[in-house]
Protein backbone atom coordinates (compact mmCIF):
# COMPACT_ATOMS: atom_id res chain seq x y z
CA MET A 1 -11.31 21.37 50.21
CA ASN A 2 -8.86 24.60 51.74
CA PHE A 3 -5.58 23.39 49.39
CA GLU A 4 -8.23 23.83 46.56
CA PHE A 5 -9.57 27.38 47.54
CA ILE A 6 -5.14 28.32 47.91
CA LEU A 7 -4.78 27.03 44.89
CA GLN A 8 -7.61 29.14 42.85
CA ILE A 9 -6.80 31.99 44.45
CA ILE A 10 -2.89 32.07 43.64
CA PHE A 11 -4.46 31.00 40.04
CA ILE A 12 -6.61 34.47 39.89
CA LEU A 13 -3.40 36.28 41.03
CA SER A 14 -0.95 35.51 39.30
CA PHE A 15 -4.05 35.60 35.85
CA VAL A 16 -3.93 39.73 37.11
CA ALA A 17 -0.05 40.06 36.89
CA VAL A 18 0.22 38.93 33.83
CA LEU A 19 -2.17 41.00 32.99
CA CYS A 20 -0.27 43.91 34.50
CA PHE A 21 2.89 43.37 33.25
CA VAL A 22 0.98 42.90 29.84
CA ARG A 23 -0.64 46.18 30.35
CA ARG A 24 2.23 48.16 31.22
CA LYS A 25 4.62 46.33 28.32
CA MET A 26 2.11 47.36 25.08
CA PRO A 27 3.19 50.25 24.64
CA GLU A 28 6.75 49.50 23.91
CA LEU A 29 5.28 46.12 21.40
CA VAL A 30 2.98 48.11 19.31
CA VAL A 31 6.45 50.18 18.62
CA LEU A 32 8.52 46.92 17.27
CA PRO A 33 8.62 46.74 13.99
CA GLU A 34 7.37 43.64 13.04
CA LYS A 35 9.92 41.99 9.89
CA ASP A 36 13.19 42.55 13.10
CA TYR A 37 11.86 40.18 15.40
CA PHE A 38 9.00 37.97 13.16
CA LEU A 39 9.93 35.30 10.44
CA ASN A 40 7.87 35.55 7.50
CA VAL A 41 5.93 32.41 7.18
CA LYS A 42 5.16 32.40 3.28
CA ASN A 43 8.25 32.83 2.11
CA LEU A 44 10.54 30.61 4.42
CA ILE A 45 7.74 28.31 3.21
CA LYS A 46 8.73 28.95 -0.78
CA ARG A 47 12.31 29.14 -0.01
CA GLU A 48 11.97 25.27 1.56
CA GLU A 49 9.71 24.27 -1.28
CA ILE A 50 12.14 25.68 -3.73
CA LYS A 51 15.19 23.33 -2.12
CA ALA A 52 12.77 20.24 -1.77
CA LYS A 53 12.03 20.37 -5.89
CA SER A 54 15.69 21.05 -6.66
CA TYR A 55 17.07 17.95 -3.99
CA LEU A 56 13.93 15.94 -6.11
CA LYS A 57 15.53 16.22 -9.05
CA GLU A 58 18.44 15.32 -8.51
CA LYS A 59 17.74 12.29 -6.95
CA SER A 60 14.99 11.43 -9.41
CA VAL A 61 17.07 9.30 -11.55
CA VAL A 62 18.39 6.88 -8.41
CA TRP A 63 15.32 6.73 -7.50
CA GLU A 64 13.83 6.08 -11.12
CA ASN A 65 16.70 3.32 -10.78
CA SER A 66 15.90 1.66 -7.47
CA LEU A 67 11.97 1.72 -8.73
CA HIS A 68 12.60 0.12 -12.54
CA LYS A 69 14.78 -2.61 -10.41
CA PHE A 70 12.18 -3.32 -7.39
CA LEU A 71 9.35 -3.65 -10.22
CA LEU A 72 11.46 -6.13 -12.54
CA ARG A 73 12.05 -7.56 -9.32
CA VAL A 74 8.22 -8.13 -8.21
CA ARG A 75 7.29 -9.38 -12.38
CA ILE A 76 9.72 -12.28 -11.70
CA LEU A 77 8.58 -13.26 -8.60
CA PHE A 78 4.68 -12.65 -9.91
CA LEU A 79 5.77 -14.97 -13.44
CA LYS A 80 7.02 -17.64 -11.18
CA ALA A 81 4.35 -18.13 -9.36
CA ASP A 82 2.34 -18.58 -12.08
CA ASN A 83 4.24 -20.94 -13.66
CA LYS A 84 3.43 -22.75 -10.30
CA VAL A 85 0.21 -22.61 -10.11
CA LEU A 86 -0.13 -23.41 -14.00
CA GLY A 87 2.03 -27.02 -13.18
CA LEU A 88 -0.07 -27.70 -10.16
CA THR A 89 -3.28 -27.66 -12.52
CA GLN A 90 -1.50 -29.57 -14.95
CA LYS A 91 -0.62 -32.43 -12.22
CA LEU A 92 -4.48 -31.94 -11.04
CA LYS A 93 -5.81 -32.25 -14.41
CA GLN A 94 -3.54 -35.49 -15.29
CA ARG A 95 -4.70 -36.85 -11.76
CA ALA A 96 -8.44 -36.40 -12.25
CA GLU A 97 -7.42 -38.19 -15.83
CA LYS A 98 -5.67 -40.99 -14.31
CA LYS A 99 -8.82 -41.99 -11.70
CA LYS A 100 -11.86 -41.01 -14.81
CA GLY A 101 -9.89 -44.13 -16.42
CA PRO A 102 -10.96 -45.29 -20.82
CA ASP A 103 -13.83 -42.36 -21.79
CA GLU A 104 -16.64 -44.17 -21.66
CA TYR A 105 -17.04 -43.20 -25.26
CA TRP A 106 -14.74 -46.33 -26.34
CA LYS A 107 -16.41 -48.86 -23.64
CA ASP A 108 -19.70 -48.41 -25.75
CA ILE A 109 -18.00 -49.50 -29.35
CA LYS A 110 -15.88 -52.50 -27.63
CA THR A 111 -19.75 -53.48 -26.97
CA SER A 112 -21.39 -52.73 -29.10
CA LEU A 113 -19.14 -54.75 -31.30
CA LYS A 114 -19.22 -57.73 -29.48
CA LYS A 115 -23.13 -57.39 -29.28
CA LYS A 116 -23.40 -57.20 -33.31
CA PRO A 117 -22.66 -60.78 -35.06
CA SER A 118 -20.15 -60.75 -38.30
CA GLN A 119 -21.14 -61.70 -41.65
CA GLU A 120 -18.93 -64.53 -40.68
CA ASP A 121 -20.47 -66.37 -38.01
CA LYS A 122 -23.21 -66.11 -40.11
CA PRO A 123 -24.51 -69.64 -41.68
CA ALA A 124 -25.44 -69.32 -44.92
């Protein structure tokens, strides 16, 4: 508990010392010109923006070429995947048709032909 009290006293004394130092140096700080010692942030930002735009204009051709190649590769990949999916769906359709067997329509025609007596079989 005593250590906390000592730390609080040291903190308060150091804060008062900083305030006294700033108070003594205040007239010198007011006299200092701003432009000589401080950066003009707006001009710095404008300069960096101009540099970035010129760099991007120079490198845009390389960027566009690499993007074009990448998009072509992605397109080829999707076309290959689409072709594989199409092949799989065709195989599944063929398997379903094999399991289904011949159509019921032709079975009905065959059975109906067998049931009808032909005119040659009838006695005259």
